[in-house]
C-alpha atoms as a PDB file:
ATOM      1  CA  UNK A   1     -71.793  -3.649 -41.821  1.00  0.00           C
ATOM      2  CA  UNK A   2     -74.214  -6.294 -40.633  1.00  0.00           C
ATOM      3  CA  UNK A   3     -76.147  -6.222 -37.379  1.00  0.00           C
ATOM      4  CA  UNK A   4     -79.016  -8.190 -35.946  1.00  0.00           C
ATOM      5  CA  UNK A   5     -81.908  -6.190 -34.525  1.00  0.00           C
ATOM      6  CA  UNK A   6     -83.954  -6.979 -31.420  1.00  0.00           C
ATOM      7  CA  UNK A   7     -86.417  -9.031 -33.525  1.00  0.00           C
ATOM      8  CA  UNK A   8     -83.642 -11.219 -34.959  1.00  0.00           C
ATOM      9  CA  UNK A   9     -83.714  -9.597 -38.399  1.00  0.00           C
ATOM     10  CA  UNK A  10     -80.359  -9.016 -40.087  1.00  0.00           C
ATOM     11  CA  UNK A  11     -79.751  -5.431 -41.166  1.00  0.00           C
ATOM     12  CA  UNK A  12     -76.943  -4.571 -43.567  1.00  0.00           C
ATOM     13  CA  UNK A  13     -75.516  -1.209 -44.571  1.00  0.00           C
ATOM     14  CA  UNK A  14     -72.824  -0.062 -46.986  1.00  0.00           C
ATOM     15  CA  UNK A  15     -71.538   3.139 -45.323  1.00  0.00           C
ATOM     16  CA  UNK A  16     -69.628   4.193 -48.451  1.00  0.00           C
ATOM     17  CA  UNK A  17     -72.919   4.576 -50.329  1.00  0.00           C
ATOM     18  CA  UNK A  18     -75.555   7.036 -49.158  1.00  0.00           C
ATOM     19  CA  UNK A  19     -78.850   5.363 -48.142  1.00  0.00           C
ATOM     20  CA  UNK A  20     -77.551   1.904 -49.071  1.00  0.00           C
ATOM     21  CA  UNK A  21     -79.051  -0.558 -46.611  1.00  0.00           C
ATOM     22  CA  UNK A  22     -81.389  -3.541 -46.518  1.00  0.00           C
ATOM     23  CA  UNK A  23     -82.563  -6.372 -44.284  1.00  0.00           C
ATOM     24  CA  UNK A  24     -83.367 -10.063 -44.324  1.00  0.00           C
ATOM     25  CA  UNK A  25     -84.571 -12.885 -42.120  1.00  0.00           C
ATOM     26  CA  UNK A  26     -81.341 -14.811 -42.838  1.00  0.00           C
ATOM     27  CA  UNK A  27     -77.810 -13.802 -43.805  1.00  0.00           C
ATOM     28  CA  UNK A  28     -78.383 -15.281 -47.278  1.00  0.00           C
ATOM     29  CA  UNK A  29     -81.562 -13.256 -47.748  1.00  0.00           C
ATOM     30  CA  UNK A  30     -79.816 -10.115 -46.513  1.00  0.00           C
ATOM     31  CA  UNK A  31     -76.896 -10.632 -48.917  1.00  0.00           C
ATOM     32  CA  UNK A  32     -79.271 -11.075 -51.860  1.00  0.00           C
ATOM     33  CA  UNK A  33     -81.190  -7.948 -50.879  1.00  0.00           C
ATOM     34  CA  UNK A  34     -78.102  -5.820 -50.221  1.00  0.00           C
ATOM     35  CA  UNK A  35     -76.577  -6.768 -53.595  1.00  0.00           C
ATOM     36  CA  UNK A  36     -79.703  -5.442 -55.320  1.00  0.00           C
ATOM     37  CA  UNK A  37     -79.535  -2.213 -53.308  1.00  0.00           C
ATOM     38  CA  UNK A  38     -75.820  -1.760 -54.055  1.00  0.00           C
ATOM     39  CA  UNK A  39     -76.554  -2.120 -57.780  1.00  0.00           C
ATOM     40  CA  UNK A  40     -79.268   0.541 -57.548  1.00  0.00           C
ATOM     41  CA  UNK A  41     -77.015   2.891 -55.563  1.00  0.00           C
ATOM     42  CA  UNK A  42     -74.184   2.446 -58.057  1.00  0.00           C
ATOM     43  CA  UNK A  43     -76.551   3.125 -60.961  1.00  0.00           C
ATOM     44  CA  UNK A  44     -77.551   6.385 -59.275  1.00  0.00           C
ATOM     45  CA  UNK A  45     -73.907   7.306 -58.727  1.00  0.00           C
ATOM     46  CA  UNK A  46     -73.216   6.612 -62.395  1.00  0.00           C
ATOM     47  CA  UNK A  47     -75.865   9.156 -63.305  1.00  0.00           C
ATOM     48  CA  UNK A  48     -74.096  11.784 -61.194  1.00  0.00           C
ATOM     49  CA  UNK A  49     -70.694  10.977 -62.740  1.00  0.00           C
ATOM     50  CA  UNK A  50     -69.019  10.121 -59.402  1.00  0.00           C
ATOM     51  CA  UNK A  51     -66.367   7.430 -59.000  1.00  0.00           C
ATOM     52  CA  UNK A  52     -66.267   5.278 -55.868  1.00  0.00           C
ATOM     53  CA  UNK A  53     -64.011   2.415 -54.847  1.00  0.00           C
ATOM     54  CA  UNK A  54     -65.384  -0.436 -52.706  1.00  0.00           C
ATOM     55  CA  UNK A  55     -63.346  -3.179 -51.079  1.00  0.00           C
ATOM     56  CA  UNK A  56     -65.419  -6.354 -50.764  1.00  0.00           C
END
């Protein structure tokens, strides 16, 4: 999910992953940032031995 806040900053969230969100001044910056956060969230899930399926 991507929204734009009142200051014009893009905020992205992956609802399937707990606490997986980021922001950026542009869509490109947001996408770069959210990819990094998704990788970190998936690494954490791997440690807990949980399987998740994401449609991109």
